[in-house]
Each structure stands twice: as structure tokens, then as C-alpha cells.
């Protein structure tokens, strides 16, 4: 289905502090990265600029949201450190 909405889970890394990461969910990765780097997100404004480490595309919004929540858990963060 060519016009199906896409859902992306992404992981950012602060270029000033590479130990600082941010995990998010969006339908437009380039626009969202620009918003983080333009300090339009309260959670990331003070730690930018950010670079994109990885993004994963999902066709199902529920699955994407579950994966984002998982990556924000302790075991999910460990998974991300090992694989990203």
C-alpha cells in the first residue's frame, strides 16, 4: 500500500555528550531531527546538537509505540547499547 502512513522509532546521540541519548517516535525523521536540533523539544534542547544513530520503520503504529516504550526500559536501553 503506497500511501500507508509510516512510523519510525529513532535513537539520537548528543554530539556534545555522546553518553546522552534520546529515543523517540515520529512519522518524519528528518523534520523531527531538525526540531530537536532547533531546540523545539523541551526534553532535548539543552543537550544538542543531536545526530541520528538509527531509525527503524514500522507499518503498524501500535507496534512502533510498543518498541519505543521497550527501548526506554532498562533492558531496552541495554539492547540499544549492544546493537546500536
Protein backbone atom coordinates (compact mmCIF):
# COMPACT_ATOMS: atom_id res chain seq x y z
CA UNK A 1 0.00 0.00 0.00
CA UNK A 2 1.96 3.02 -1.24
CA UNK A 3 0.26 5.75 0.81
CA UNK A 4 0.17 3.97 4.16
CA UNK A 5 1.49 6.15 6.98
CA UNK A 6 4.88 5.11 8.24
CA UNK A 7 6.01 5.13 11.85
CA UNK A 8 9.65 5.43 12.83
CA UNK A 9 11.36 4.76 16.15
CA UNK A 10 14.65 6.64 16.27
CA UNK A 11 17.66 6.96 18.55
CA UNK A 12 19.62 10.21 18.78
CA UNK A 13 23.03 10.83 20.30
CA UNK A 14 24.21 14.19 21.62
CA UNK A 15 27.31 15.39 19.79
CA UNK A 16 28.37 17.34 22.91
CA UNK A 17 27.89 14.39 25.25
CA UNK A 18 27.97 11.03 23.41
CA UNK A 19 26.72 9.27 26.56
CA UNK A 20 23.40 11.16 26.24
CA UNK A 21 20.76 9.52 24.03
CA UNK A 22 17.16 10.20 23.17
CA UNK A 23 14.59 7.70 21.89
CA UNK A 24 11.52 8.91 20.01
CA UNK A 25 8.68 8.09 17.65
CA UNK A 26 7.75 10.08 14.54
CA UNK A 27 6.35 9.84 11.03
CA UNK A 28 9.01 12.21 9.59
CA UNK A 29 12.56 11.55 10.78
CA UNK A 30 14.34 14.49 9.05
CA UNK A 31 11.77 17.01 10.31
CA UNK A 32 11.92 15.59 13.84
CA UNK A 33 15.73 15.68 13.91
CA UNK A 34 15.60 19.31 12.75
CA UNK A 35 13.13 20.10 15.54
CA UNK A 36 15.47 18.56 18.13
CA UNK A 37 18.45 20.49 16.77
CA UNK A 38 16.45 23.75 16.63
CA UNK A 39 15.66 23.35 20.35
CA UNK A 40 11.93 22.93 19.70
CA UNK A 41 11.77 19.96 22.07
CA UNK A 42 11.99 20.67 25.79
CA UNK A 43 13.49 17.26 26.52
CA UNK A 44 16.43 17.65 24.14
CA UNK A 45 17.02 21.41 23.87
CA UNK A 46 19.84 21.64 26.40
CA UNK A 47 21.80 18.62 25.17
CA UNK A 48 22.01 19.33 21.42
CA UNK A 49 23.12 19.27 18.77
CA UNK A 50 21.98 15.73 18.03
CA UNK A 51 22.92 13.16 15.43
CA UNK A 52 20.80 10.27 14.27
CA UNK A 53 22.19 6.88 15.31
CA UNK A 54 19.46 4.61 13.99
CA UNK A 55 15.85 4.62 12.89
CA UNK A 56 13.50 1.73 12.34
CA UNK A 57 10.39 1.82 10.17
CA UNK A 58 7.12 0.20 11.21
CA UNK A 59 3.87 -0.08 9.29
CA UNK A 60 1.86 -0.61 12.47
CA UNK A 61 1.62 2.37 14.86
CA UNK A 62 0.92 0.16 17.87
CA UNK A 63 3.98 -1.99 17.28
CA UNK A 64 6.14 1.14 16.83
CA UNK A 65 4.85 2.64 20.09
CA UNK A 66 5.49 -0.61 21.96
CA UNK A 67 9.04 -0.82 20.62
CA UNK A 68 9.71 2.81 21.59
CA UNK A 69 8.44 2.11 25.14
CA UNK A 70 10.60 -1.03 25.30
CA UNK A 71 13.74 0.91 24.29
CA UNK A 72 13.06 3.32 27.17
CA UNK A 73 13.16 0.49 29.75
CA UNK A 74 16.33 -0.75 31.40
CA UNK A 75 16.51 -3.89 29.29
CA UNK A 76 15.63 -1.90 26.17
CA UNK A 77 18.46 0.56 26.82
CA UNK A 78 20.86 -2.37 27.28
CA UNK A 79 19.59 -3.82 23.99
CA UNK A 80 20.16 -0.47 22.24
CA UNK A 81 23.71 -0.14 23.64
CA UNK A 82 24.57 -3.62 22.36
CA UNK A 83 23.02 -3.25 18.91
CA UNK A 84 23.14 0.43 18.01
